[in-house]
PDB file of N, CA and C in Angstrom:
ATOM      1  N   UNK A   1      52.562 -14.113   0.592  1.00  0.00           N
ATOM      2  CA  UNK A   1      52.172 -12.796  -0.205  1.00  0.00           C
ATOM      3  C   UNK A   1      51.758 -12.835  -1.579  1.00  0.00           C
ATOM      4  N   UNK A   2      52.550 -14.039  -2.435  1.00  0.00           N
ATOM      5  CA  UNK A   2      51.898 -14.166  -3.797  1.00  0.00           C
ATOM      6  C   UNK A   2      50.450 -14.279  -3.784  1.00  0.00           C
ATOM      7  N   UNK A   3      49.950 -15.207  -2.988  1.00  0.00           N
ATOM      8  CA  UNK A   3      48.416 -15.541  -3.045  1.00  0.00           C
ATOM      9  C   UNK A   3      47.396 -14.151  -2.990  1.00  0.00           C
ATOM     10  N   UNK A   4      48.223 -13.244  -2.152  1.00  0.00           N
ATOM     11  CA  UNK A   4      47.435 -12.089  -1.775  1.00  0.00           C
ATOM     12  C   UNK A   4      47.530 -11.079  -2.974  1.00  0.00           C
ATOM     13  N   UNK A   5      48.602 -11.079  -3.652  1.00  0.00           N
ATOM     14  CA  UNK A   5      48.757 -10.263  -5.067  1.00  0.00           C
ATOM     15  C   UNK A   5      48.101 -10.823  -6.038  1.00  0.00           C
ATOM     16  N   UNK A   6      48.011 -12.185  -6.009  1.00  0.00           N
ATOM     17  CA  UNK A   6      46.836 -12.789  -7.183  1.00  0.00           C
ATOM     18  C   UNK A   6      45.478 -12.429  -6.941  1.00  0.00           C
ATOM     19  N   UNK A   7      45.124 -12.154  -5.788  1.00  0.00           N
ATOM     20  CA  UNK A   7      43.696 -11.997  -5.365  1.00  0.00           C
ATOM     21  C   UNK A   7      43.538 -10.557  -5.680  1.00  0.00           C
ATOM     22  N   UNK A   8      44.437  -9.734  -5.385  1.00  0.00           N
ATOM     23  CA  UNK A   8      44.302  -8.152  -5.751  1.00  0.00           C
ATOM     24  C   UNK A   8      44.404  -7.965  -7.376  1.00  0.00           C
ATOM     25  N   UNK A   9      45.075  -8.801  -8.052  1.00  0.00           N
ATOM     26  CA  UNK A   9      45.280  -8.780  -9.446  1.00  0.00           C
ATOM     27  C   UNK A   9      43.700  -8.990  -9.989  1.00  0.00           C
ATOM     28  N   UNK A  10      43.141 -10.175  -9.460  1.00  0.00           N
ATOM     29  CA  UNK A  10      41.742 -10.325  -9.757  1.00  0.00           C
ATOM     30  C   UNK A  10      40.684  -9.504  -9.635  1.00  0.00           C
ATOM     31  N   UNK A  11      41.111  -8.620  -9.097  1.00  0.00           N
ATOM     32  CA  UNK A  11      40.229  -7.089  -8.787  1.00  0.00           C
ATOM     33  C   UNK A  11      40.398  -6.242 -10.053  1.00  0.00           C
ATOM     34  N   UNK A  12      41.462  -6.341 -10.554  1.00  0.00           N
ATOM     35  CA  UNK A  12      41.865  -5.443 -11.674  1.00  0.00           C
ATOM     36  C   UNK A  12      41.490  -6.239 -13.024  1.00  0.00           C
ATOM     37  N   UNK A  13      41.633  -7.467 -13.024  1.00  0.00           N
ATOM     38  CA  UNK A  13      41.558  -8.138 -14.393  1.00  0.00           C
ATOM     39  C   UNK A  13      40.179  -7.853 -15.254  1.00  0.00           C
ATOM     40  N   UNK A  14      39.063  -7.690 -14.650  1.00  0.00           N
ATOM     41  CA  UNK A  14      37.961  -7.301 -15.475  1.00  0.00           C
ATOM     42  C   UNK A  14      37.985  -6.213 -16.183  1.00  0.00           C
ATOM     43  N   UNK A  15      38.610  -4.992 -15.546  1.00  0.00           N
ATOM     44  CA  UNK A  15      38.697  -3.850 -16.494  1.00  0.00           C
ATOM     45  C   UNK A  15      39.658  -3.804 -17.446  1.00  0.00           C
ATOM     46  N   UNK A  16      40.797  -4.605 -17.338  1.00  0.00           N
ATOM     47  CA  UNK A  16      41.695  -4.816 -18.407  1.00  0.00           C
ATOM     48  C   UNK A  16      41.223  -5.724 -19.662  1.00  0.00           C
ATOM     49  N   UNK A  17      40.491  -6.784 -18.935  1.00  0.00           N
ATOM     50  CA  UNK A  17      39.794  -7.745 -20.107  1.00  0.00           C
ATOM     51  C   UNK A  17      38.684  -7.190 -20.900  1.00  0.00           C
ATOM     52  N   UNK A  18      38.083  -6.074 -20.346  1.00  0.00           N
ATOM     53  CA  UNK A  18      37.043  -5.375 -21.152  1.00  0.00           C
ATOM     54  C   UNK A  18      37.779  -4.515 -22.200  1.00  0.00           C
ATOM     55  N   UNK A  19      38.952  -4.142 -22.051  1.00  0.00           N
ATOM     56  CA  UNK A  19      39.845  -3.413 -23.054  1.00  0.00           C
ATOM     57  C   UNK A  19      40.587  -4.505 -24.020  1.00  0.00           C
ATOM     58  N   UNK A  20      40.430  -5.836 -23.761  1.00  0.00           N
ATOM     59  CA  UNK A  20      41.275  -6.715 -24.593  1.00  0.00           C
ATOM     60  C   UNK A  20      42.617  -7.143 -24.125  1.00  0.00           C
ATOM     61  N   UNK A  21      42.691  -6.911 -22.857  1.00  0.00           N
ATOM     62  CA  UNK A  21      44.128  -7.092 -22.231  1.00  0.00           C
ATOM     63  C   UNK A  21      43.960  -8.071 -20.967  1.00  0.00           C
ATOM     64  N   UNK A  22      45.139  -8.183 -20.376  1.00  0.00           N
ATOM     65  CA  UNK A  22      45.240  -8.902 -18.908  1.00  0.00           C
ATOM     66  C   UNK A  22      46.355  -8.768 -18.396  1.00  0.00           C
ATOM     67  N   UNK A  23      46.502  -9.026 -17.161  1.00  0.00           N
ATOM     68  CA  UNK A  23      47.792  -8.961 -16.359  1.00  0.00           C
ATOM     69  C   UNK A  23      48.292 -10.414 -15.988  1.00  0.00           C
ATOM     70  N   UNK A  24      49.533 -10.770 -16.071  1.00  0.00           N
ATOM     71  CA  UNK A  24      49.905 -11.889 -15.533  1.00  0.00           C
ATOM     72  C   UNK A  24      51.035 -11.577 -14.420  1.00  0.00           C
ATOM     73  N   UNK A  25      51.166 -12.323 -13.262  1.00  0.00           N
ATOM     74  CA  UNK A  25      51.835 -12.007 -12.329  1.00  0.00           C
ATOM     75  C   UNK A  25      53.277 -12.925 -12.781  1.00  0.00           C
ATOM     76  N   UNK A  26      54.478 -12.340 -12.617  1.00  0.00           N
ATOM     77  CA  UNK A  26      55.568 -12.842 -13.176  1.00  0.00           C
ATOM     78  C   UNK A  26      56.439 -13.350 -11.953  1.00  0.00           C
ATOM     79  N   UNK A  27      56.516 -12.222 -10.858  1.00  0.00           N
ATOM     80  CA  UNK A  27      57.334 -12.590  -9.617  1.00  0.00           C
ATOM     81  C   UNK A  27      57.083 -11.591  -8.548  1.00  0.00           C
ATOM     82  N   UNK A  28      57.151 -12.135  -7.368  1.00  0.00           N
ATOM     83  CA  UNK A  28      56.985 -11.392  -6.055  1.00  0.00           C
ATOM     84  C   UNK A  28      58.260 -11.431  -5.275  1.00  0.00           C
ATOM     85  N   UNK A  29      58.894 -10.444  -5.056  1.00  0.00           N
ATOM     86  CA  UNK A  29      60.023 -10.378  -4.088  1.00  0.00           C
ATOM     87  C   UNK A  29      59.672  -9.726  -2.991  1.00  0.00           C
ATOM     88  N   UNK A  30      59.321 -10.841  -1.795  1.00  0.00           N
ATOM     89  CA  UNK A  30      58.857 -10.350  -0.628  1.00  0.00           C
ATOM     90  C   UNK A  30      60.012  -9.445   0.426  1.00  0.00           C
ATOM     91  N   UNK A  31      61.212  -9.721  -0.064  1.00  0.00           N
ATOM     92  CA  UNK A  31      62.226  -9.025   0.574  1.00  0.00           C
ATOM     93  C   UNK A  31      62.086  -7.574   0.269  1.00  0.00           C
ATOM     94  N   UNK A  32      62.018  -7.213  -0.967  1.00  0.00           N
ATOM     95  CA  UNK A  32      62.053  -5.711  -1.371  1.00  0.00           C
ATOM     96  C   UNK A  32      60.815  -5.281  -1.612  1.00  0.00           C
ATOM     97  N   UNK A  33      59.677  -6.062  -1.728  1.00  0.00           N
ATOM     98  CA  UNK A  33      58.276  -5.546  -1.887  1.00  0.00           C
ATOM     99  C   UNK A  33      58.040  -5.085  -3.540  1.00  0.00           C
ATOM    100  N   UNK A  34      58.804  -5.702  -4.253  1.00  0.00           N
ATOM    101  CA  UNK A  34      58.787  -5.330  -5.770  1.00  0.00           C
ATOM    102  C   UNK A  34      57.999  -6.448  -6.352  1.00  0.00           C
ATOM    103  N   UNK A  35      56.908  -6.189  -7.171  1.00  0.00           N
ATOM    104  CA  UNK A  35      55.898  -7.151  -7.919  1.00  0.00           C
ATOM    105  C   UNK A  35      56.248  -6.921  -9.189  1.00  0.00           C
ATOM    106  N   UNK A  36      56.580  -8.003 -10.048  1.00  0.00           N
ATOM    107  CA  UNK A  36      56.830  -8.034 -11.406  1.00  0.00           C
ATOM    108  C   UNK A  36      55.691  -8.629 -12.176  1.00  0.00           C
ATOM    109  N   UNK A  37      55.045  -7.985 -13.134  1.00  0.00           N
ATOM    110  CA  UNK A  37      53.990  -8.306 -13.920  1.00  0.00           C
ATOM    111  C   UNK A  37      54.101  -8.113 -15.409  1.00  0.00           C
ATOM    112  N   UNK A  38      53.278  -8.704 -16.043  1.00  0.00           N
ATOM    113  CA  UNK A  38      53.554  -8.637 -17.582  1.00  0.00           C
ATOM    114  C   UNK A  38      51.994  -8.435 -18.060  1.00  0.00           C
ATOM    115  N   UNK A  39      51.991  -7.025 -18.858  1.00  0.00           N
ATOM    116  CA  UNK A  39      50.560  -6.716 -19.332  1.00  0.00           C
ATOM    117  C   UNK A  39      50.660  -7.369 -20.621  1.00  0.00           C
ATOM    118  N   UNK A  40      49.421  -8.083 -21.022  1.00  0.00           N
ATOM    119  CA  UNK A  40      49.332  -8.996 -22.195  1.00  0.00           C
ATOM    120  C   UNK A  40      48.107  -8.521 -23.108  1.00  0.00           C
ATOM    121  N   UNK A  41      48.013  -9.150 -24.288  1.00  0.00           N
ATOM    122  CA  UNK A  41      46.848  -8.633 -24.990  1.00  0.00           C
ATOM    123  C   UNK A  41      46.998  -7.331 -25.542  1.00  0.00           C
ATOM    124  N   UNK A  42      45.815  -6.627 -25.580  1.00  0.00           N
ATOM    125  CA  UNK A  42      46.021  -5.312 -26.171  1.00  0.00           C
ATOM    126  C   UNK A  42      46.601  -4.356 -25.111  1.00  0.00           C
ATOM    127  N   UNK A  43      46.846  -4.813 -23.669  1.00  0.00           N
ATOM    128  CA  UNK A  43      47.382  -3.933 -22.895  1.00  0.00           C
ATOM    129  C   UNK A  43      48.882  -3.884 -22.895  1.00  0.00           C
ATOM    130  N   UNK A  44      49.526  -4.904 -23.475  1.00  0.00           N
ATOM    131  CA  UNK A  44      50.654  -5.240 -23.749  1.00  0.00           C
ATOM    132  C   UNK A  44      51.388  -4.206 -24.831  1.00  0.00           C
ATOM    133  N   UNK A  45      50.613  -3.858 -25.786  1.00  0.00           N
ATOM    134  CA  UNK A  45      51.205  -2.991 -26.779  1.00  0.00           C
ATOM    135  C   UNK A  45      50.377  -1.370 -26.821  1.00  0.00           C
ATOM    136  N   UNK A  46      49.698  -1.276 -25.868  1.00  0.00           N
ATOM    137  CA  UNK A  46      49.042  -0.005 -25.698  1.00  0.00           C
ATOM    138  C   UNK A  46      49.953   1.089 -25.347  1.00  0.00           C
ATOM    139  N   UNK A  47      49.757   2.324 -25.888  1.00  0.00           N
ATOM    140  CA  UNK A  47      50.881   3.213 -25.576  1.00  0.00           C
ATOM    141  C   UNK A  47      50.366   3.998 -24.106  1.00  0.00           C
ATOM    142  N   UNK A  48      49.472   3.395 -23.479  1.00  0.00           N
ATOM    143  CA  UNK A  48      49.063   3.739 -22.138  1.00  0.00           C
ATOM    144  C   UNK A  48      49.400   2.937 -21.264  1.00  0.00           C
ATOM    145  N   UNK A  49      50.158   1.933 -21.624  1.00  0.00           N
ATOM    146  CA  UNK A  49      50.504   0.789 -20.607  1.00  0.00           C
ATOM    147  C   UNK A  49      51.075   1.043 -19.433  1.00  0.00           C
ATOM    148  N   UNK A  50      52.154   2.034 -19.690  1.00  0.00           N
ATOM    149  CA  UNK A  50      52.806   2.582 -18.312  1.00  0.00           C
ATOM    150  C   UNK A  50      51.974   3.342 -17.340  1.00  0.00           C
ATOM    151  N   UNK A  51      51.123   4.089 -17.865  1.00  0.00           N
ATOM    152  CA  UNK A  51      49.743   4.558 -16.926  1.00  0.00           C
ATOM    153  C   UNK A  51      49.085   3.566 -16.232  1.00  0.00           C
ATOM    154  N   UNK A  52      48.852   2.455 -17.117  1.00  0.00           N
ATOM    155  CA  UNK A  52      47.862   1.501 -16.569  1.00  0.00           C
ATOM    156  C   UNK A  52      48.728   0.795 -15.470  1.00  0.00           C
ATOM    157  N   UNK A  53      49.934   0.614 -15.627  1.00  0.00           N
ATOM    158  CA  UNK A  53      50.889  -0.129 -14.746  1.00  0.00           C
ATOM    159  C   UNK A  53      50.921   0.757 -13.492  1.00  0.00           C
ATOM    160  N   UNK A  54      51.201   2.013 -13.362  1.00  0.00           N
ATOM    161  CA  UNK A  54      51.392   2.772 -12.373  1.00  0.00           C
ATOM    162  C   UNK A  54      50.010   3.138 -11.704  1.00  0.00           C
ATOM    163  N   UNK A  55      48.991   3.806 -12.330  1.00  0.00           N
ATOM    164  CA  UNK A  55      47.879   4.424 -11.725  1.00  0.00           C
ATOM    165  C   UNK A  55      46.633   3.301 -11.526  1.00  0.00           C
ATOM    166  N   UNK A  56      47.090   2.041 -12.200  1.00  0.00           N
ATOM    167  CA  UNK A  56      45.873   1.135 -11.936  1.00  0.00           C
ATOM    168  C   UNK A  56      46.587  -0.195 -11.248  1.00  0.00           C
ATOM    169  N   UNK A  57      47.370  -0.896 -11.946  1.00  0.00           N
ATOM    170  CA  UNK A  57      47.869  -1.878 -11.076  1.00  0.00           C
ATOM    171  C   UNK A  57      48.569  -1.822  -9.862  1.00  0.00           C
ATOM    172  N   UNK A  58      49.640  -0.837  -9.793  1.00  0.00           N
ATOM    173  CA  UNK A  58      50.465  -0.551  -8.827  1.00  0.00           C
ATOM    174  C   UNK A  58      49.440   0.225  -7.757  1.00  0.00           C
ATOM    175  N   UNK A  59      48.633   0.964  -7.995  1.00  0.00           N
ATOM    176  CA  UNK A  59      47.660   1.706  -7.170  1.00  0.00           C
ATOM    177  C   UNK A  59      46.935   0.631  -6.267  1.00  0.00           C
ATOM    178  N   UNK A  60      46.171  -0.271  -7.100  1.00  0.00           N
ATOM    179  CA  UNK A  60      45.412  -1.203  -6.385  1.00  0.00           C
ATOM    180  C   UNK A  60      46.173  -2.105  -5.345  1.00  0.00           C
ATOM    181  N   UNK A  61      47.437  -2.751  -6.122  1.00  0.00           N
ATOM    182  CA  UNK A  61      48.282  -3.649  -5.233  1.00  0.00           C
ATOM    183  C   UNK A  61      48.800  -2.850  -3.934  1.00  0.00           C
ATOM    184  N   UNK A  62      49.246  -1.682  -4.004  1.00  0.00           N
ATOM    185  CA  UNK A  62      49.515  -1.038  -2.698  1.00  0.00           C
ATOM    186  C   UNK A  62      48.595  -0.753  -1.743  1.00  0.00           C
ATOM    187  N   UNK A  63      47.570  -0.383  -2.283  1.00  0.00           N
ATOM    188  CA  UNK A  63      46.211  -0.222  -1.382  1.00  0.00           C
ATOM    189  C   UNK A  63      45.716  -1.412  -0.629  1.00  0.00           C
ATOM    190  N   UNK A  64      45.849  -2.623  -1.471  1.00  0.00           N
ATOM    191  CA  UNK A  64      45.441  -3.986  -0.918  1.00  0.00           C
ATOM    192  C   UNK A  64      46.602  -4.559  -0.094  1.00  0.00           C
ATOM    193  N   UNK A  65      47.799  -4.399  -0.360  1.00  0.00           N
ATOM    194  CA  UNK A  65      48.957  -5.107   0.338  1.00  0.00           C
ATOM    195  C   UNK A  65      49.958  -3.771   0.769  1.00  0.00           C
ATOM    196  N   UNK A  66      49.837  -3.452   1.692  1.00  0.00           N
ATOM    197  CA  UNK A  66      51.029  -2.428   2.228  1.00  0.00           C
ATOM    198  C   UNK A  66      52.545  -2.935   1.994  1.00  0.00           C
ATOM    199  N   UNK A  67      52.753  -4.100   1.896  1.00  0.00           N
ATOM    200  CA  UNK A  67      54.149  -4.501   1.738  1.00  0.00           C
ATOM    201  C   UNK A  67      54.595  -4.293   0.496  1.00  0.00           C
ATOM    202  N   UNK A  68      53.906  -4.158  -0.578  1.00  0.00           N
ATOM    203  CA  UNK A  68      54.296  -3.765  -1.819  1.00  0.00           C
ATOM    204  C   UNK A  68      54.664  -2.416  -2.003  1.00  0.00           C
ATOM    205  N   UNK A  69      55.951  -2.335  -2.610  1.00  0.00           N
ATOM    206  CA  UNK A  69      56.566  -1.120  -2.697  1.00  0.00           C
ATOM    207  C   UNK A  69      56.632  -0.545  -4.023  1.00  0.00           C
ATOM    208  N   UNK A  70      56.481  -1.484  -4.933  1.00  0.00           N
ATOM    209  CA  UNK A  70      56.668  -0.988  -6.441  1.00  0.00           C
ATOM    210  C   UNK A  70      56.238  -2.204  -7.303  1.00  0.00           C
ATOM    211  N   UNK A  71      55.569  -1.780  -8.310  1.00  0.00           N
ATOM    212  CA  UNK A  71      55.252  -2.611  -9.488  1.00  0.00           C
ATOM    213  C   UNK A  71      56.101  -2.354 -10.561  1.00  0.00           C
ATOM    214  N   UNK A  72      56.547  -3.336 -11.265  1.00  0.00           N
ATOM    215  CA  UNK A  72      57.445  -3.265 -12.361  1.00  0.00           C
ATOM    216  C   UNK A  72      57.007  -4.036 -13.639  1.00  0.00           C
ATOM    217  N   UNK A  73      57.351  -3.733 -14.968  1.00  0.00           N
ATOM    218  CA  UNK A  73      56.995  -4.513 -16.047  1.00  0.00           C
ATOM    219  C   UNK A  73      57.996  -5.579 -16.115  1.00  0.00           C
ATOM    220  N   UNK A  74      57.778  -6.913 -16.515  1.00  0.00           N
ATOM    221  CA  UNK A  74      58.656  -7.831 -16.870  1.00  0.00           C
ATOM    222  C   UNK A  74      58.915  -8.184 -18.169  1.00  0.00           C
TER     223      UNK A  74
END
């Protein structure tokens, strides 16, 4: 599942990098479906980072990988 999450994150990275940020995968808990990520660069300090996490990263991961239940910031 970790490889699938990395591939899905690769779909998101160009948009984040255009804004001067990025996302790093920290952990994947296959038992609970929780993925931990860290927003870095401009995304790490952006006031909209929680919205990016929920409406961007979590939405894409859940669409691509049904086993993902939640994405949380590490």
